[in-house]
Amino acid sequence: MTAETFDTPGGATPGEATRGATVSQPRRTAPIGIVVGALSDMRKAVLPAIAGAIGLRSELSGIGFVAGIAILAIAIGAGVAVLRWWRTTYTVGAEDIRLETGVVSRAARSVPYERIQDVSLEQPLLARLLGLTQVRFETGAGGSDEIALAYLPVAEGEALRELVRERRDDHAAVPAAGATAEDANAQPVGAVLFAMKPARVVTFGLFEFSLAAVAVVAGLAQQFDFLLPFDVWDWDEWQGVLGVPVDRLAALGPVMQVVIGLATLAALSVVGFATGILRTALRDWGFVLERTARGFRRRRGLLTTTDMVMPAHRVQALELRTGWLRRRFGWHGLKFVSLAQDAGSGSHVVAPFAQMEELAPIAAAAGFALPGDGTLWQRPARRAFVDRAVLGAAVPILAAAALAIFADPRLALVPLLAVPVIAAGQALAWRRARHALDARQVFTRRGWLAPRIDVAQRVKLQSVEIRQGPLGRRGGYATLHLGLAGGTMAIDALPAGEAQRIRDAVVESVAGLDFSQVS
């Protein structure tokens, strides 16, 4: 296939486009993408425009002036968008992807294929309606090293992603020590590892209770209260709205007051649950995780859809999360720690709301094993939590002493109430904290209301560091920091001997694998 064939994706399928030779001609994104970008910029300017118009609402000429300025701004913005599109080109080379931008000052960025960790496709609602997608190349460094092409036709974006995947020098996956072929291929290629049906999304949304909508409405009412028919912050004006004087409501008696209070709480609860369901549906609607030839493909989103491909061998660790309430019903979330920098909150979440038996096949497909009944969990050093309780209690004790000396001694009892709470919190933290080590992996668990579990393969750890502060040296405990590309992992409050044992085991695992011979 020639370079011209890839330049005209309509003449070839996306699969055919991925097998092309070097494409050396600079290309531009889809012209219709200018409309998507311009409308997005206009949406950001809506509130400032409204604020400007409101500021001059009492002057007719002022409104006309604002309208003229708005039209001029739209015209200038459209012209700049066209010029910016014309001056932005990208080149798919034999060794890298190059992006040149800038109207007056030109900037050129080049990203070699071997540095590209993930390639994702993102479609806002308008772009999806126009058959466009944004292609994002993540290098793991973040910032200016990232390249995003907005917007390309969907077929061309998929073809470009396949082309980059083929040209990346990532065919060799690094296996874990002791891993078997069954671990790395727990599911056949193309199999759906996890999917969320609408009922599951709604259930997830119920646990994502949020009163953000109430806060937004209150903020809008505060900023634009002059547009409302009455002052919502004046209780006297509510008499005319409700048709009942406020003092008469107070005279209804405690029973009716309780009923009104419960009705208010019920209304807030409905808003909170509805907000949680809406946010969850917008983010996770149609969530599907598939096994691909080289890793995982995740698609999700209602208005803005994302399509992300994650190579399996770049998964460095697992994060298992839950909430204080959803844990009671057995619901957990699973996230991959990848070499690539996260493009957004939870961008590497592979199962946001699932039972443990649903998460085990996903972990196995990535070469990991979740902790089970055979995991030998170890407790941290008790002395570390005692020291923390003493240090934490020192602040309220000093505050109580200051109040007793310089103020009313009876007030000294107030800060002292925090002492048993601090002690109980550290006792619960010690009871729930665990760590474990097996032939392939390191486990850590912490948190008592919403426990979190981290799992890392020993051969994928970049470094192992033992840290001891003054209290740790005196008490014989330390913190073990495990260097992990793409994330962080630490085992806190380890007995000094246990920390040294885990460090030696990890170093032995890494030293025992000849990475130059991995194929």
Protein backbone atom coordinates (compact mmCIF):
# COMPACT_ATOMS: atom_id res chain seq x y z
CA MET A 1 0.00 0.00 0.00
CA THR A 2 1.37 3.43 -0.87
CA ALA A 3 1.36 6.62 1.10
CA GLU A 4 -1.42 7.95 -1.11
CA THR A 5 -3.67 5.06 -0.12
CA PHE A 6 -3.41 5.97 3.55
CA ASP A 7 -3.99 9.61 2.70
CA THR A 8 -7.34 8.61 1.25
CA PRO A 9 -8.77 6.16 3.78
CA GLY A 10 -11.97 5.92 1.83
CA GLY A 11 -10.09 3.82 -0.71
CA ALA A 12 -9.00 1.23 1.83
CA THR A 13 -10.32 -0.36 4.96
CA PRO A 14 -8.78 0.58 8.32
CA GLY A 15 -7.17 -2.84 8.48
CA GLU A 16 -5.53 -2.36 5.11
CA ALA A 17 -4.31 1.09 6.08
CA THR A 18 -2.36 -0.34 8.98
CA ARG A 19 -0.12 -2.37 6.72
CA GLY A 20 1.16 0.54 4.69
CA ALA A 21 4.67 1.71 4.08
CA THR A 22 6.08 4.98 5.33
CA VAL A 23 3.66 7.88 5.10
CA SER A 24 5.88 10.93 4.70
CA GLN A 25 3.47 13.61 3.43
CA PRO A 26 2.23 16.14 6.03
CA ARG A 27 -1.50 15.86 6.61
CA ARG A 28 -4.20 18.00 8.17
CA THR A 29 -7.08 16.94 10.35
CA ALA A 30 -10.66 16.87 9.03
CA PRO A 31 -11.87 20.36 8.03
CA ILE A 32 -15.28 19.75 9.60
CA GLY A 33 -13.46 19.44 12.92
CA ILE A 34 -13.16 23.23 12.89
CA VAL A 35 -16.89 23.37 13.65
CA VAL A 36 -16.53 21.10 16.69
CA GLY A 37 -13.63 23.12 18.07
CA ALA A 38 -15.36 26.45 17.43
CA LEU A 39 -18.59 25.35 19.13
CA SER A 40 -16.57 24.08 22.08
CA ASP A 41 -14.86 27.46 22.41
CA MET A 42 -18.21 29.24 22.12
CA ARG A 43 -19.63 27.09 24.89
CA LYS A 44 -16.81 28.19 27.19
CA ALA A 45 -17.56 31.82 26.37
CA VAL A 46 -21.31 31.64 27.09
CA LEU A 47 -21.13 32.53 30.79
CA PRO A 48 -18.71 35.47 30.32
CA ALA A 49 -20.97 36.80 27.53
CA ILE A 50 -24.06 36.48 29.73
CA ALA A 51 -22.24 38.23 32.58
CA GLY A 52 -21.24 41.08 30.26
CA ALA A 53 -24.77 41.46 28.92
CA ILE A 54 -26.23 41.44 32.43
CA GLY A 55 -23.78 44.08 33.56
CA LEU A 56 -25.15 46.43 30.89
CA ARG A 57 -28.76 45.22 30.89
CA SER A 58 -30.13 48.58 32.01
CA GLU A 59 -28.71 50.38 28.97
CA LEU A 60 -30.22 49.60 25.57
CA SER A 61 -27.13 50.84 23.78
CA GLY A 62 -25.03 48.67 26.07
CA ILE A 63 -26.88 45.54 25.00
CA GLY A 64 -26.39 46.44 21.35
CA PHE A 65 -22.72 47.04 22.04
CA VAL A 66 -22.37 43.65 23.74
CA ALA A 67 -24.17 41.96 20.82
CA GLY A 68 -21.83 43.63 18.36
CA ILE A 69 -18.78 42.61 20.36
CA ALA A 70 -20.12 39.04 20.54
CA ILE A 71 -20.60 38.87 16.76
CA LEU A 72 -17.14 40.31 16.18
CA ALA A 73 -15.62 37.85 18.65
CA ILE A 74 -17.33 34.92 16.91
CA ALA A 75 -16.07 36.10 13.52
CA ILE A 76 -12.52 36.56 14.80
CA GLY A 77 -12.64 33.21 16.60
CA ALA A 78 -13.83 31.45 13.45
CA GLY A 79 -11.05 33.05 11.41
CA VAL A 80 -8.42 32.09 13.96
CA ALA A 81 -9.79 28.51 14.09
CA VAL A 82 -9.52 28.17 10.30
CA LEU A 83 -6.01 29.61 10.28
CA ARG A 84 -4.95 27.39 13.17
CA TRP A 85 -6.34 24.33 11.39
CA TRP A 86 -4.52 25.26 8.17
CA ARG A 87 -1.23 25.71 10.02
CA THR A 88 -1.50 22.43 11.97
CA THR A 89 -0.11 19.35 10.24
CA TYR A 90 0.95 15.90 11.31
CA THR A 91 3.23 13.38 9.64
CA VAL A 92 3.21 9.63 10.13
CA GLY A 93 6.85 8.69 9.59
CA ALA A 94 8.74 5.42 9.61
CA GLU A 95 10.04 5.97 13.14
CA ASP A 96 7.82 8.59 14.71
CA ILE A 97 4.77 10.83 14.53
CA ARG A 98 5.46 14.53 14.06
CA LEU A 99 3.04 17.35 14.85
CA GLU A 100 3.61 20.95 13.75
CA THR A 101 1.43 23.72 15.18
CA GLY A 102 1.40 27.49 15.47
CA VAL A 103 0.14 30.39 13.40
CA VAL A 104 2.96 32.89 13.94
CA SER A 105 5.43 30.94 16.06
CA ARG A 106 5.80 27.39 14.82
CA ALA A 107 6.31 24.45 17.18
CA ALA A 108 7.19 20.91 16.15
CA ARG A 109 6.94 17.81 18.33
CA SER A 110 8.13 14.35 17.44
CA VAL A 111 7.20 11.20 19.36
CA PRO A 112 8.94 7.91 18.45
CA TYR A 113 6.67 4.89 18.23
CA GLU A 114 8.49 3.04 21.00
CA ARG A 115 7.63 5.86 23.42
CA ILE A 116 3.90 5.70 22.74
CA GLN A 117 2.29 3.75 25.58
CA ASP A 118 -1.42 4.00 24.79
CA VAL A 119 -3.52 5.18 21.86
CA SER A 120 -7.09 6.22 22.66
CA LEU A 121 -10.00 7.49 20.62
CA GLU A 122 -12.34 10.05 22.16
CA GLN A 123 -15.63 11.24 20.66
CA PRO A 124 -17.60 14.13 22.16
CA LEU A 125 -21.27 14.13 21.24
CA LEU A 126 -21.01 16.59 18.35
CA ALA A 127 -17.91 14.89 16.96
CA ARG A 128 -19.69 11.53 17.08
CA LEU A 129 -22.66 12.95 15.19
CA LEU A 130 -20.28 14.22 12.51
CA GLY A 131 -18.39 10.92 12.32
CA LEU A 132 -15.20 12.35 13.86
CA THR A 133 -12.88 11.24 16.64
CA GLN A 134 -9.91 12.61 18.55
CA VAL A 135 -6.80 10.42 18.54
CA ARG A 136 -4.65 10.78 21.64
CA PHE A 137 -1.15 9.32 21.91
CA GLU A 138 0.04 8.92 25.49
CA THR A 139 3.77 8.67 26.15
CA GLY A 140 3.71 8.30 29.93
CA ALA A 141 5.51 11.63 30.40
CA GLY A 142 2.47 13.89 30.21
CA GLY A 143 2.50 17.59 29.38
CA SER A 144 3.88 18.72 26.03
CA ASP A 145 5.13 15.24 25.16
CA GLU A 146 1.55 14.12 24.49
CA ILE A 147 0.06 14.41 21.00
CA ALA A 148 -3.66 14.73 20.28
CA LEU A 149 -5.15 14.97 16.81
CA ALA A 150 -8.60 16.58 16.78
CA TYR A 151 -10.47 15.64 14.74
CA LEU A 152 -10.11 12.78 12.23
CA PRO A 153 -12.76 10.67 10.49
CA VAL A 154 -13.48 7.59 12.60
CA ALA A 155 -12.15 5.16 9.98
CA GLU A 156 -8.95 7.16 9.61
CA GLY A 157 -8.50 7.41 13.37
CA GLU A 158 -8.88 3.65 13.80
CA ALA A 159 -6.48 3.04 10.90
CA LEU A 160 -3.92 5.38 12.43
CA ARG A 161 -4.20 3.66 15.78
CA GLU A 162 -3.62 0.26 14.20
CA LEU A 163 -0.68 1.62 12.24
CA VAL A 164 0.96 3.01 15.38
CA ARG A 165 0.37 -0.23 17.25
CA GLU A 166 2.08 -2.21 14.50
CA ARG A 167 5.06 0.12 14.29
CA ARG A 168 5.64 0.25 18.02
CA ASP A 169 8.51 -1.86 19.12
CA ASP A 170 6.44 -3.51 21.83
CA HIS A 171 5.89 -7.01 20.49
CA ALA A 172 7.93 -8.54 23.31
CA ALA A 173 6.01 -8.74 26.55
CA VAL A 174 7.89 -9.12 29.83
CA PRO A 175 6.46 -12.16 31.63
CA ALA A 176 6.27 -12.45 35.36
CA ALA A 177 8.55 -14.91 37.07
CA GLY A 178 6.69 -18.17 37.30
CA ALA A 179 3.90 -17.01 34.99
CA THR A 180 2.38 -19.60 32.71
CA ALA A 181 0.87 -19.34 29.27
CA GLU A 182 -2.53 -19.88 30.82
CA ASP A 183 -2.03 -16.80 33.02
CA ALA A 184 -1.22 -14.54 30.09
CA ASN A 185 -4.01 -15.95 27.92
CA ALA A 186 -6.79 -16.55 30.39
CA GLN A 187 -9.31 -15.45 27.79
CA PRO A 188 -9.25 -15.87 24.00
CA VAL A 189 -8.51 -12.87 21.81
CA GLY A 190 -11.63 -10.79 21.19
CA ALA A 191 -13.44 -12.14 24.26
CA VAL A 192 -15.45 -9.72 26.40
CA LEU A 193 -13.87 -9.74 29.85
CA PHE A 194 -16.32 -7.35 31.47
CA ALA A 195 -19.39 -5.36 30.43
CA MET A 196 -21.90 -3.19 32.26
CA LYS A 197 -25.53 -3.43 31.21
CA PRO A 198 -27.90 -0.50 31.86
CA ALA A 199 -29.18 -2.08 35.08
CA ARG A 200 -25.62 -2.37 36.40
CA VAL A 201 -24.90 1.27 35.48
CA VAL A 202 -28.01 2.43 37.35
CA THR A 203 -27.06 0.34 40.39
CA PHE A 204 -23.57 1.83 40.31
CA GLY A 205 -25.10 5.30 40.12
CA LEU A 206 -27.09 4.69 43.30
CA PHE A 207 -23.81 4.23 45.16
CA GLU A 208 -22.42 7.42 43.59
CA PHE A 209 -24.85 9.60 45.59
CA SER A 210 -23.99 13.27 45.06
CA LEU A 211 -25.57 16.61 45.94
CA ALA A 212 -23.44 18.45 43.39
CA ALA A 213 -26.57 19.45 41.47
CA VAL A 214 -27.99 21.15 44.57
CA ALA A 215 -24.74 23.07 45.04
CA VAL A 216 -24.75 24.14 41.37
CA VAL A 217 -28.36 25.33 41.55
CA ALA A 218 -27.66 27.23 44.77
CA GLY A 219 -24.62 28.87 43.19
CA LEU A 220 -26.58 29.90 40.10
CA ALA A 221 -29.36 31.28 42.29
CA GLN A 222 -26.78 33.30 44.21
CA GLN A 223 -25.18 34.73 41.05
CA PHE A 224 -28.34 35.33 39.02
CA ASP A 225 -30.88 36.00 41.78
CA PHE A 226 -32.02 39.19 39.99
CA LEU A 227 -33.48 37.03 37.21
CA LEU A 228 -35.78 35.22 39.65
CA PRO A 229 -39.28 36.51 40.47
CA PHE A 230 -38.40 36.80 44.18
CA ASP A 231 -35.42 36.77 46.51
CA VAL A 232 -34.85 33.11 47.35
CA TRP A 233 -32.68 34.10 50.32
CA ASP A 234 -35.42 36.19 51.96
CA TRP A 235 -37.65 34.01 54.16
CA ASP A 236 -40.36 36.68 54.26
CA GLU A 237 -40.88 36.43 50.50
CA TRP A 238 -41.41 32.70 50.77
CA GLN A 239 -44.72 33.46 52.48
CA GLY A 240 -46.22 34.65 49.20
CA VAL A 241 -44.74 31.69 47.29
CA LEU A 242 -45.94 29.06 49.74
CA GLY A 243 -49.22 30.83 50.44
CA VAL A 244 -48.62 30.22 54.13
CA PRO A 245 -46.82 32.64 56.46
CA VAL A 246 -43.56 31.30 57.81
CA ASP A 247 -44.67 31.91 61.39
CA ARG A 248 -47.74 29.75 60.72
CA LEU A 249 -45.44 26.92 59.62
CA ALA A 250 -43.64 27.26 62.92
CA ALA A 251 -47.00 27.00 64.69
CA LEU A 252 -47.94 23.70 63.04
CA GLY A 253 -46.33 21.80 65.85
CA PRO A 254 -43.33 19.49 66.14
CA VAL A 255 -44.99 16.60 64.28
CA MET A 256 -45.63 18.63 61.12
CA GLN A 257 -42.19 20.19 61.38
CA VAL A 258 -40.66 16.72 61.44
CA VAL A 259 -42.81 15.71 58.45
CA ILE A 260 -41.69 18.78 56.50
CA GLY A 261 -38.08 18.10 57.44
CA LEU A 262 -38.34 14.46 56.29
CA ALA A 263 -39.96 15.57 53.04
CA THR A 264 -37.08 17.97 52.46
CA LEU A 265 -34.54 15.22 53.13
CA ALA A 266 -36.44 12.89 50.78
CA ALA A 267 -36.36 15.52 48.03
CA LEU A 268 -32.62 16.04 48.54
CA SER A 269 -32.11 12.27 48.46
CA VAL A 270 -33.94 11.99 45.15
CA VAL A 271 -31.76 14.77 43.72
CA GLY A 272 -28.61 13.11 45.09
CA PHE A 273 -29.44 9.70 43.66
CA ALA A 274 -30.51 11.18 40.32
CA THR A 275 -27.25 13.14 40.10
CA GLY A 276 -25.20 10.05 40.87
CA ILE A 277 -27.02 7.99 38.25
CA LEU A 278 -26.66 10.75 35.64
CA ARG A 279 -22.93 11.19 36.26
CA THR A 280 -22.33 7.46 36.15
CA ALA A 281 -24.36 7.00 32.98
CA LEU A 282 -22.51 9.81 31.21
CA ARG A 283 -19.15 8.24 32.10
CA ASP A 284 -19.73 4.48 32.03
CA TRP A 285 -22.68 3.85 29.71
CA GLY A 286 -21.93 0.96 27.37
CA PHE A 287 -18.81 -0.02 29.33
CA VAL A 288 -17.08 -2.93 27.57
CA LEU A 289 -13.64 -4.41 28.25
CA GLU A 290 -12.31 -6.81 25.62
CA ARG A 291 -9.22 -8.98 25.31
CA THR A 292 -7.19 -8.06 22.24
CA ALA A 293 -4.16 -9.64 20.60
CA ARG A 294 -1.82 -7.40 22.59
CA GLY A 295 -3.81 -6.42 25.63
CA PHE A 296 -7.12 -4.80 26.43
CA ARG A 297 -9.61 -2.53 24.71
CA ARG A 298 -12.02 -0.45 26.78
CA ARG A 299 -14.99 1.51 25.46
CA ARG A 300 -17.40 3.61 27.48
CA GLY A 301 -19.39 6.85 27.56
CA LEU A 302 -22.86 8.14 26.70
CA LEU A 303 -22.34 11.61 25.24
CA THR A 304 -18.54 11.52 25.04
CA THR A 305 -17.32 8.04 24.14
CA THR A 306 -13.74 6.86 24.66
CA ASP A 307 -12.02 3.91 23.04
CA MET A 308 -8.74 3.02 24.72
CA VAL A 309 -6.29 0.21 23.98
CA MET A 310 -3.91 -0.87 26.76
CA PRO A 311 -1.07 -3.33 25.98
CA ALA A 312 -1.07 -6.16 28.52
CA HIS A 313 2.67 -6.17 29.19
CA ARG A 314 2.58 -2.48 30.13
CA VAL A 315 0.28 -3.16 33.07
CA GLN A 316 2.55 -2.68 36.08
CA ALA A 317 0.18 -3.24 38.99
CA LEU A 318 -3.45 -3.54 40.05
CA GLU A 319 -5.48 -1.27 42.30
CA LEU A 320 -8.55 -2.79 43.92
CA ARG A 321 -10.90 -0.17 45.37
CA THR A 322 -14.28 -0.09 47.09
CA GLY A 323 -16.44 2.23 49.19
CA TRP A 324 -17.59 1.99 52.76
CA LEU A 325 -21.16 1.14 51.68
CA ARG A 326 -20.65 -0.76 48.43
CA ARG A 327 -18.18 -3.03 50.25
CA ARG A 328 -21.11 -4.36 52.31
CA PHE A 329 -22.74 -5.54 49.09
CA GLY A 330 -19.56 -7.04 47.61
CA TRP A 331 -18.94 -4.37 44.95
CA HIS A 332 -15.38 -3.42 44.01
CA GLY A 333 -13.54 -1.55 41.26
CA LEU A 334 -10.37 -2.58 39.45
CA LYS A 335 -7.82 -0.24 37.90
CA PHE A 336 -4.61 -0.94 35.98
CA VAL A 337 -1.45 0.98 36.82
CA SER A 338 0.09 1.43 33.39
CA LEU A 339 3.27 2.94 32.01
CA ALA A 340 1.12 5.56 30.29
CA GLN A 341 0.18 8.75 32.06
CA ASP A 342 -3.52 8.89 32.89
CA ALA A 343 -5.40 11.14 30.51
CA GLY A 344 -8.05 11.77 33.10
CA SER A 345 -9.63 10.66 36.32
CA GLY A 346 -9.77 6.84 36.40
CA SER A 347 -8.73 6.57 32.76
CA HIS A 348 -7.29 3.07 33.31
CA VAL A 349 -10.27 1.72 35.22
CA VAL A 350 -11.07 -1.66 33.68
CA ALA A 351 -13.99 -2.68 35.91
CA PRO A 352 -15.53 0.18 37.93
CA PHE A 353 -18.31 -1.82 39.59
CA ALA A 354 -18.03 -5.59 39.83
CA GLN A 355 -18.02 -8.57 42.15
CA MET A 356 -14.74 -10.23 43.07
CA GLU A 357 -15.46 -13.28 40.91
CA GLU A 358 -15.78 -10.97 37.90
CA LEU A 359 -12.45 -9.29 38.60
CA ALA A 360 -10.36 -12.46 38.84
CA PRO A 361 -10.46 -13.26 35.06
CA ILE A 362 -9.46 -9.67 34.22
CA ALA A 363 -6.47 -9.85 36.57
CA ALA A 364 -5.49 -13.26 35.17
CA ALA A 365 -5.60 -11.92 31.60
CA ALA A 366 -3.04 -9.29 32.65
CA GLY A 367 -0.84 -11.92 34.31
CA PHE A 368 -1.86 -11.13 37.89
CA ALA A 369 -3.62 -13.08 40.63
CA LEU A 370 -5.90 -11.43 43.18
CA PRO A 371 -5.41 -12.32 46.85
CA GLY A 372 -7.41 -15.32 47.98
CA ASP A 373 -7.86 -17.68 50.88
CA GLY A 374 -4.30 -18.95 50.46
CA THR A 375 -2.70 -15.51 50.74
CA LEU A 376 -0.49 -15.31 53.84
CA TRP A 377 -1.29 -11.86 55.15
CA GLN A 378 1.10 -10.31 57.69
CA ARG A 379 0.38 -7.58 60.22
CA PRO A 380 2.41 -4.35 60.41
CA ALA A 381 4.37 -3.27 63.46
CA ARG A 382 2.05 -2.30 66.31
CA ARG A 383 4.61 0.14 67.67
CA ALA A 384 4.26 2.40 64.60
CA PHE A 385 0.55 2.96 65.22
CA VAL A 386 1.11 3.56 68.92
CA ASP A 387 3.64 6.25 68.08
CA ARG A 388 1.18 7.85 65.66
CA ALA A 389 -1.57 7.81 68.27
CA VAL A 390 0.72 9.51 70.80
CA LEU A 391 1.79 12.17 68.30
CA GLY A 392 -1.79 12.74 67.18
CA ALA A 393 -3.02 13.07 70.76
CA ALA A 394 -0.30 15.59 71.62
CA VAL A 395 -2.08 18.39 69.73
CA PRO A 396 -5.44 18.23 71.59
CA ILE A 397 -3.62 17.70 74.90
CA LEU A 398 -1.55 20.85 74.36
CA ALA A 399 -4.70 22.73 73.32
CA ALA A 400 -6.47 21.56 76.47
CA ALA A 401 -3.53 22.69 78.60
CA ALA A 402 -3.57 26.13 76.96
CA LEU A 403 -7.30 26.50 77.57
CA ALA A 404 -6.93 25.42 81.19
CA ILE A 405 -4.19 27.99 81.81
CA PHE A 406 -5.34 30.99 79.80
CA ALA A 407 -9.11 30.48 79.55
CA ASP A 408 -11.97 28.64 81.23
CA PRO A 409 -10.72 25.26 82.54
CA ARG A 410 -14.07 23.72 81.66
CA LEU A 411 -13.33 24.31 77.96
CA ALA A 412 -10.24 22.11 78.29
CA LEU A 413 -12.47 19.04 78.14
CA VAL A 414 -13.52 19.81 74.54
CA PRO A 415 -10.19 19.09 72.77
CA LEU A 416 -9.59 16.10 75.06
CA LEU A 417 -12.60 14.41 73.44
CA ALA A 418 -10.44 13.93 70.33
CA VAL A 419 -7.88 11.77 72.17
CA PRO A 420 -9.95 8.55 72.31
CA VAL A 421 -11.07 9.11 68.72
CA ILE A 422 -7.45 9.35 67.54
CA ALA A 423 -6.50 6.25 69.53
CA ALA A 424 -9.46 4.26 68.16
CA GLY A 425 -8.64 5.32 64.60
CA GLN A 426 -5.06 4.12 64.85
CA ALA A 427 -6.18 0.85 66.47
CA LEU A 428 -8.61 0.20 63.61
CA ALA A 429 -5.96 1.15 61.03
CA TRP A 430 -3.57 -1.40 62.56
CA ARG A 431 -6.21 -4.11 62.59
CA ARG A 432 -7.04 -3.63 58.88
CA ALA A 433 -3.52 -3.07 57.50
CA ARG A 434 -1.90 -6.15 55.94
CA HIS A 435 0.83 -7.10 53.51
CA ALA A 436 1.80 -10.33 51.80
CA LEU A 437 4.52 -11.74 49.55
CA ASP A 438 4.39 -14.78 47.32
CA ALA A 439 6.64 -16.18 44.60
CA ARG A 440 5.43 -13.66 41.99
CA GLN A 441 3.67 -10.73 43.63
CA VAL A 442 3.61 -8.22 46.46
CA PHE A 443 0.31 -7.34 48.15
CA THR A 444 -0.63 -4.48 50.41
CA ARG A 445 -3.96 -3.66 52.03
CA ARG A 446 -4.93 -0.60 54.09
CA GLY A 447 -8.02 1.28 55.20
CA TRP A 448 -10.81 0.06 57.48
CA LEU A 449 -13.93 1.81 56.18
CA ALA A 450 -13.04 1.52 52.48
CA PRO A 451 -10.08 -0.87 52.27
CA ARG A 452 -7.84 -0.71 49.21
CA ILE A 453 -5.59 -3.47 47.90
CA ASP A 454 -2.56 -2.99 45.63
CA VAL A 455 -0.94 -5.87 43.75
CA ALA A 456 2.42 -5.61 41.96
CA GLN A 457 4.53 -8.19 40.17
CA ARG A 458 7.99 -8.46 41.67
CA VAL A 459 9.83 -8.44 38.33
CA LYS A 460 8.10 -5.21 37.24
CA LEU A 461 9.22 -3.18 40.24
CA GLN A 462 11.79 -0.53 39.34
CA SER A 463 13.34 -0.04 42.77
CA VAL A 464 13.03 -1.02 46.41
CA GLU A 465 13.84 1.47 49.16
CA ILE A 466 13.67 1.15 52.95
CA ARG A 467 13.04 4.38 54.85
CA GLN A 468 13.25 4.89 58.62
CA GLY A 469 12.62 8.08 60.53
CA PRO A 470 13.81 8.79 64.07
CA LEU A 471 10.80 7.06 65.63
CA GLY A 472 11.13 4.15 63.19
CA ARG A 473 14.77 3.58 64.09
CA ARG A 474 13.90 3.69 67.78
CA GLY A 475 10.85 1.46 67.40
CA GLY A 476 12.33 -0.99 64.89
CA TYR A 477 9.94 -0.38 62.00
CA ALA A 478 10.27 1.09 58.50
CA THR A 479 8.38 2.00 55.33
CA LEU A 480 9.14 0.03 52.16
CA HIS A 481 8.81 2.14 48.98
CA LEU A 482 8.42 0.15 45.80
CA GLY A 483 9.33 2.00 42.61
CA LEU A 484 6.60 1.41 40.07
CA ALA A 485 6.54 2.90 36.57
CA GLY A 486 3.23 4.71 36.20
CA GLY A 487 2.33 4.79 39.89
CA THR A 488 3.44 4.47 43.48
CA MET A 489 3.27 1.67 46.01
CA ALA A 490 4.44 1.54 49.61
CA ILE A 491 4.12 -0.85 52.53
CA ASP A 492 3.92 1.13 55.74
CA ALA A 493 4.95 0.28 59.31
CA LEU A 494 6.87 -2.90 58.52
CA PRO A 495 9.10 -4.49 61.14
CA ALA A 496 12.67 -3.75 60.07
CA GLY A 497 13.49 -7.41 59.54
CA GLU A 498 10.36 -7.97 57.44
CA ALA A 499 11.16 -4.96 55.28
CA GLN A 500 14.63 -6.33 54.61
CA ARG A 501 13.22 -9.76 53.76
CA ILE A 502 10.77 -8.36 51.20
CA ARG A 503 13.47 -6.15 49.70
CA ASP A 504 15.85 -9.08 49.27
CA ALA A 505 13.10 -11.22 47.70
CA VAL A 506 12.17 -8.53 45.17
CA VAL A 507 15.81 -7.87 44.25
CA GLU A 508 16.36 -11.61 43.78
CA SER A 509 13.35 -11.86 41.46
CA VAL A 510 14.51 -8.94 39.31
CA ALA A 511 18.12 -10.10 39.21
CA GLY A 512 17.08 -13.63 38.28
CA LEU A 513 15.42 -12.55 35.02
CA ASP A 514 17.57 -11.77 31.98
CA PHE A 515 15.50 -9.07 30.31
CA SER A 516 17.74 -9.08 27.22
CA GLN A 517 16.57 -12.60 26.48
CA VAL A 518 12.85 -11.88 26.84
CA SER A 519 11.02 -12.40 23.56
